[in-house]
Amino acid sequence: MSEAQKGRKHTDATLAKMSASNAMHRPEIRAKVSAALTGRVMGVEWRASMSAYARNRPASHNASISVNNRMRGPSSGYKGVSLNSRTGKWKVAIRIGDKRPFIGYFTDPVEAALAYDKAAIDAWGIGGCYLNFPEYANDNEQQGLVAHVT
């Protein structure tokens, strides 16, 4: 049934009938609802529940998914590092402009995070990027480890 209706446009007459059938589009109904709610004092619990609903209500399903993904953070705990479920290894990629070059796969998430740090330093310099391990940015031994890992 949905396939048969897909792409079908309603006529102007049908749209007018649908709009007229919606009770809230009628001025007399809107006036009655407004009068009934005027001066009404809502309880503290009701206001709190409505505020919580408004705060947590997503604009759309896809928007809520993307917000949840951004707020969750990386699964590894390190920026640019994620677990590849097929191989069981940690995958490293970095976004530079509109490109996302692949850095490599690693068995340890710390090694992967160090590789991300090296790529970030190569792309933007020490002061211009977010690092997973900023305390090791100037440490020559750590830089050697990163060079060895990649």
C-alpha atoms as a PDB file:
ATOM      1  CA  MET A   1       0.000   0.000   0.000  1.00  0.00           C
ATOM      2  CA  SER A   2       2.793   2.428   0.844  1.00  0.00           C
ATOM      3  CA  GLU A   3       4.510   1.695  -2.464  1.00  0.00           C
ATOM      4  CA  ALA A   4       1.317   2.574  -4.324  1.00  0.00           C
ATOM      5  CA  GLN A   5       0.988   5.889  -2.443  1.00  0.00           C
ATOM      6  CA  LYS A   6       4.662   6.863  -2.767  1.00  0.00           C
ATOM      7  CA  GLY A   7       5.157  10.045  -4.753  1.00  0.00           C
ATOM      8  CA  ARG A   8       1.423  10.813  -4.838  1.00  0.00           C
ATOM      9  CA  LYS A   9       0.517  14.484  -4.373  1.00  0.00           C
ATOM     10  CA  HIS A  10      -2.691  15.628  -2.686  1.00  0.00           C
ATOM     11  CA  THR A  11      -4.893  18.061  -4.590  1.00  0.00           C
ATOM     12  CA  ASP A  12      -5.473  21.550  -3.191  1.00  0.00           C
ATOM     13  CA  ALA A  13      -9.068  20.601  -2.337  1.00  0.00           C
ATOM     14  CA  THR A  14      -7.908  17.552  -0.369  1.00  0.00           C
ATOM     15  CA  LEU A  15      -5.316  19.613   1.515  1.00  0.00           C
ATOM     16  CA  ALA A  16      -7.993  22.192   2.404  1.00  0.00           C
ATOM     17  CA  LYS A  17     -10.304  19.434   3.707  1.00  0.00           C
ATOM     18  CA  MET A  18      -7.502  17.922   5.790  1.00  0.00           C
ATOM     19  CA  SER A  19      -6.634  21.315   7.254  1.00  0.00           C
ATOM     20  CA  ALA A  20     -10.286  22.076   8.037  1.00  0.00           C
ATOM     21  CA  SER A  21     -10.705  18.720   9.766  1.00  0.00           C
ATOM     22  CA  ASN A  22      -7.888  19.525  12.200  1.00  0.00           C
ATOM     23  CA  ALA A  23      -9.701  20.981  15.222  1.00  0.00           C
ATOM     24  CA  MET A  24      -6.828  23.219  16.278  1.00  0.00           C
ATOM     25  CA  HIS A  25      -6.947  25.024  12.938  1.00  0.00           C
ATOM     26  CA  ARG A  26     -10.432  26.301  13.693  1.00  0.00           C
ATOM     27  CA  PRO A  27     -10.411  29.706  15.447  1.00  0.00           C
ATOM     28  CA  GLU A  28     -13.348  28.887  17.733  1.00  0.00           C
ATOM     29  CA  ILE A  29     -11.635  25.734  19.045  1.00  0.00           C
ATOM     30  CA  ARG A  30      -8.347  27.589  19.568  1.00  0.00           C
ATOM     31  CA  ALA A  31     -10.197  30.289  21.516  1.00  0.00           C
ATOM     32  CA  LYS A  32     -11.866  27.667  23.760  1.00  0.00           C
ATOM     33  CA  VAL A  33      -8.555  25.942  24.503  1.00  0.00           C
ATOM     34  CA  SER A  34      -6.861  29.254  25.211  1.00  0.00           C
ATOM     35  CA  ALA A  35      -9.651  30.346  27.570  1.00  0.00           C
ATOM     36  CA  ALA A  36      -9.531  27.034  29.406  1.00  0.00           C
ATOM     37  CA  LEU A  37      -5.778  27.320  29.986  1.00  0.00           C
ATOM     38  CA  THR A  38      -5.726  31.027  30.898  1.00  0.00           C
ATOM     39  CA  GLY A  39      -4.992  31.567  34.578  1.00  0.00           C
ATOM     40  CA  ARG A  40      -4.397  27.877  35.182  1.00  0.00           C
ATOM     41  CA  VAL A  41      -1.635  27.208  37.676  1.00  0.00           C
ATOM     42  CA  MET A  42       0.398  24.115  36.956  1.00  0.00           C
ATOM     43  CA  GLY A  43       1.969  22.149  39.786  1.00  0.00           C
ATOM     44  CA  VAL A  44       5.690  22.084  40.405  1.00  0.00           C
ATOM     45  CA  GLU A  45       5.901  18.403  39.458  1.00  0.00           C
ATOM     46  CA  TRP A  46       4.087  18.983  36.159  1.00  0.00           C
ATOM     47  CA  ARG A  47       6.354  21.893  35.231  1.00  0.00           C
ATOM     48  CA  ALA A  48       9.458  19.885  36.125  1.00  0.00           C
ATOM     49  CA  SER A  49       8.313  16.923  34.063  1.00  0.00           C
ATOM     50  CA  MET A  50       7.527  19.153  31.068  1.00  0.00           C
ATOM     51  CA  SER A  51      10.933  20.869  31.352  1.00  0.00           C
ATOM     52  CA  ALA A  52      12.677  17.504  31.486  1.00  0.00           C
ATOM     53  CA  TYR A  53      10.696  16.345  28.463  1.00  0.00           C
ATOM     54  CA  ALA A  54      11.580  19.486  26.496  1.00  0.00           C
ATOM     55  CA  ARG A  55      15.273  19.175  27.371  1.00  0.00           C
ATOM     56  CA  ASN A  56      15.515  15.524  26.389  1.00  0.00           C
ATOM     57  CA  ARG A  57      13.274  15.575  23.340  1.00  0.00           C
ATOM     58  CA  PRO A  58      15.294  15.130  20.143  1.00  0.00           C
ATOM     59  CA  ALA A  59      14.478  17.217  17.093  1.00  0.00           C
ATOM     60  CA  SER A  60      14.383  14.004  15.090  1.00  0.00           C
ATOM     61  CA  HIS A  61      15.510  10.418  15.460  1.00  0.00           C
ATOM     62  CA  ASN A  62      18.616  10.969  13.334  1.00  0.00           C
ATOM     63  CA  ALA A  63      19.480  14.105  15.296  1.00  0.00           C
ATOM     64  CA  SER A  64      19.264  12.208  18.568  1.00  0.00           C
ATOM     65  CA  ILE A  65      21.553   9.500  17.227  1.00  0.00           C
ATOM     66  CA  SER A  66      24.186  11.986  16.109  1.00  0.00           C
ATOM     67  CA  VAL A  67      23.986  13.931  19.386  1.00  0.00           C
ATOM     68  CA  ASN A  68      24.351  10.713  21.365  1.00  0.00           C
ATOM     69  CA  ASN A  69      27.338   9.659  19.274  1.00  0.00           C
ATOM     70  CA  ARG A  70      29.063  13.007  19.766  1.00  0.00           C
ATOM     71  CA  MET A  71      28.423  13.077  23.503  1.00  0.00           C
ATOM     72  CA  ARG A  72      29.495   9.475  24.045  1.00  0.00           C
ATOM     73  CA  GLY A  73      33.092  10.041  22.959  1.00  0.00           C
ATOM     74  CA  PRO A  74      35.359   7.490  21.338  1.00  0.00           C
ATOM     75  CA  SER A  75      34.978   3.817  22.307  1.00  0.00           C
ATOM     76  CA  SER A  76      38.684   3.565  23.031  1.00  0.00           C
ATOM     77  CA  GLY A  77      38.835   6.649  25.202  1.00  0.00           C
ATOM     78  CA  TYR A  78      41.298   8.229  22.744  1.00  0.00           C
ATOM     79  CA  LYS A  79      40.616  10.677  19.954  1.00  0.00           C
ATOM     80  CA  GLY A  80      40.883   9.187  16.468  1.00  0.00           C
ATOM     81  CA  VAL A  81      41.009   5.583  17.726  1.00  0.00           C
ATOM     82  CA  SER A  82      38.179   3.087  17.291  1.00  0.00           C
ATOM     83  CA  LEU A  83      37.829  -0.680  17.525  1.00  0.00           C
ATOM     84  CA  ASN A  84      37.334  -2.605  14.298  1.00  0.00           C
ATOM     85  CA  SER A  85      34.890  -5.330  15.304  1.00  0.00           C
ATOM     86  CA  ARG A  86      35.833  -7.597  12.400  1.00  0.00           C
ATOM     87  CA  THR A  87      39.569  -7.725  13.071  1.00  0.00           C
ATOM     88  CA  GLY A  88      39.557  -6.924  16.793  1.00  0.00           C
ATOM     89  CA  LYS A  89      42.265  -4.319  16.197  1.00  0.00           C
ATOM     90  CA  TRP A  90      42.297  -0.596  16.933  1.00  0.00           C
ATOM     91  CA  LYS A  91      41.885   1.535  13.812  1.00  0.00           C
ATOM     92  CA  VAL A  92      43.390   5.031  13.619  1.00  0.00           C
ATOM     93  CA  ALA A  93      42.226   7.771  11.274  1.00  0.00           C
ATOM     94  CA  ILE A  94      42.510  11.546  11.427  1.00  0.00           C
ATOM     95  CA  ARG A  95      40.411  14.247   9.793  1.00  0.00           C
ATOM     96  CA  ILE A  96      42.446  16.875   7.965  1.00  0.00           C
ATOM     97  CA  GLY A  97      40.152  19.334   6.224  1.00  0.00           C
ATOM     98  CA  ASP A  98      37.641  17.339   4.233  1.00  0.00           C
ATOM     99  CA  LYS A  99      39.870  14.258   4.026  1.00  0.00           C
ATOM    100  CA  ARG A 100      40.173  11.403   6.497  1.00  0.00           C
ATOM    101  CA  PRO A 101      43.470   9.625   5.859  1.00  0.00           C
ATOM    102  CA  PHE A 102      43.831   6.156   7.338  1.00  0.00           C
ATOM    103  CA  ILE A 103      46.858   5.745   9.633  1.00  0.00           C
ATOM    104  CA  GLY A 104      46.761   2.041  10.445  1.00  0.00           C
ATOM    105  CA  TYR A 105      45.652  -0.840  12.660  1.00  0.00           C
ATOM    106  CA  PHE A 106      47.174  -1.491  16.087  1.00  0.00           C
ATOM    107  CA  THR A 107      46.763  -4.216  18.706  1.00  0.00           C
ATOM    108  CA  ASP A 108      46.995  -1.788  21.629  1.00  0.00           C
ATOM    109  CA  PRO A 109      44.800   1.338  21.950  1.00  0.00           C
ATOM    110  CA  VAL A 110      47.659   3.293  23.569  1.00  0.00           C
ATOM    111  CA  GLU A 111      49.919   2.627  20.570  1.00  0.00           C
ATOM    112  CA  ALA A 112      47.072   3.690  18.301  1.00  0.00           C
ATOM    113  CA  ALA A 113      46.581   6.914  20.288  1.00  0.00           C
ATOM    114  CA  LEU A 114      50.302   7.672  20.042  1.00  0.00           C
ATOM    115  CA  ALA A 115      50.146   7.166  16.275  1.00  0.00           C
ATOM    116  CA  TYR A 116      47.195   9.592  16.133  1.00  0.00           C
ATOM    117  CA  ASP A 117      49.219  12.134  18.132  1.00  0.00           C
ATOM    118  CA  LYS A 118      52.144  11.853  15.703  1.00  0.00           C
ATOM    119  CA  ALA A 119      49.851  12.380  12.714  1.00  0.00           C
ATOM    120  CA  ALA A 120      48.208  15.377  14.408  1.00  0.00           C
ATOM    121  CA  ILE A 121      51.596  16.951  15.170  1.00  0.00           C
ATOM    122  CA  ASP A 122      52.708  16.353  11.571  1.00  0.00           C
ATOM    123  CA  ALA A 123      49.511  17.988  10.279  1.00  0.00           C
ATOM    124  CA  TRP A 124      49.144  20.996  12.617  1.00  0.00           C
ATOM    125  CA  GLY A 125      52.253  21.290  14.786  1.00  0.00           C
ATOM    126  CA  ILE A 126      52.553  20.817  18.539  1.00  0.00           C
ATOM    127  CA  GLY A 127      50.542  23.859  19.639  1.00  0.00           C
ATOM    128  CA  GLY A 128      47.741  23.643  17.094  1.00  0.00           C
ATOM    129  CA  CYS A 129      46.066  20.318  17.782  1.00  0.00           C
ATOM    130  CA  TYR A 130      44.356  18.159  20.374  1.00  0.00           C
ATOM    131  CA  LEU A 131      46.616  15.365  21.563  1.00  0.00           C
ATOM    132  CA  ASN A 132      45.752  12.214  23.453  1.00  0.00           C
ATOM    133  CA  PHE A 133      49.028  12.487  25.385  1.00  0.00           C
ATOM    134  CA  PRO A 134      50.003  16.184  25.489  1.00  0.00           C
ATOM    135  CA  GLU A 135      52.536  15.529  28.253  1.00  0.00           C
ATOM    136  CA  TYR A 136      54.639  13.482  25.788  1.00  0.00           C
ATOM    137  CA  ALA A 137      54.551  15.992  22.922  1.00  0.00           C
ATOM    138  CA  ASN A 138      58.126  17.213  23.459  1.00  0.00           C
ATOM    139  CA  ASP A 139      59.553  13.972  24.835  1.00  0.00           C
ATOM    140  CA  ASN A 140      62.084  12.567  22.352  1.00  0.00           C
ATOM    141  CA  GLU A 141      61.725   9.027  23.672  1.00  0.00           C
ATOM    142  CA  GLN A 142      57.954   9.116  23.153  1.00  0.00           C
ATOM    143  CA  GLN A 143      58.389  10.531  19.643  1.00  0.00           C
ATOM    144  CA  GLY A 144      60.749   7.638  18.911  1.00  0.00           C
ATOM    145  CA  LEU A 145      58.112   5.178  20.116  1.00  0.00           C
ATOM    146  CA  VAL A 146      55.520   6.772  17.842  1.00  0.00           C
ATOM    147  CA  ALA A 147      57.884   6.642  14.883  1.00  0.00           C
ATOM    148  CA  HIS A 148      58.622   3.005  15.673  1.00  0.00           C
ATOM    149  CA  VAL A 149      54.925   2.095  15.954  1.00  0.00           C
ATOM    150  CA  THR A 150      53.983   3.602  12.583  1.00  0.00           C
END
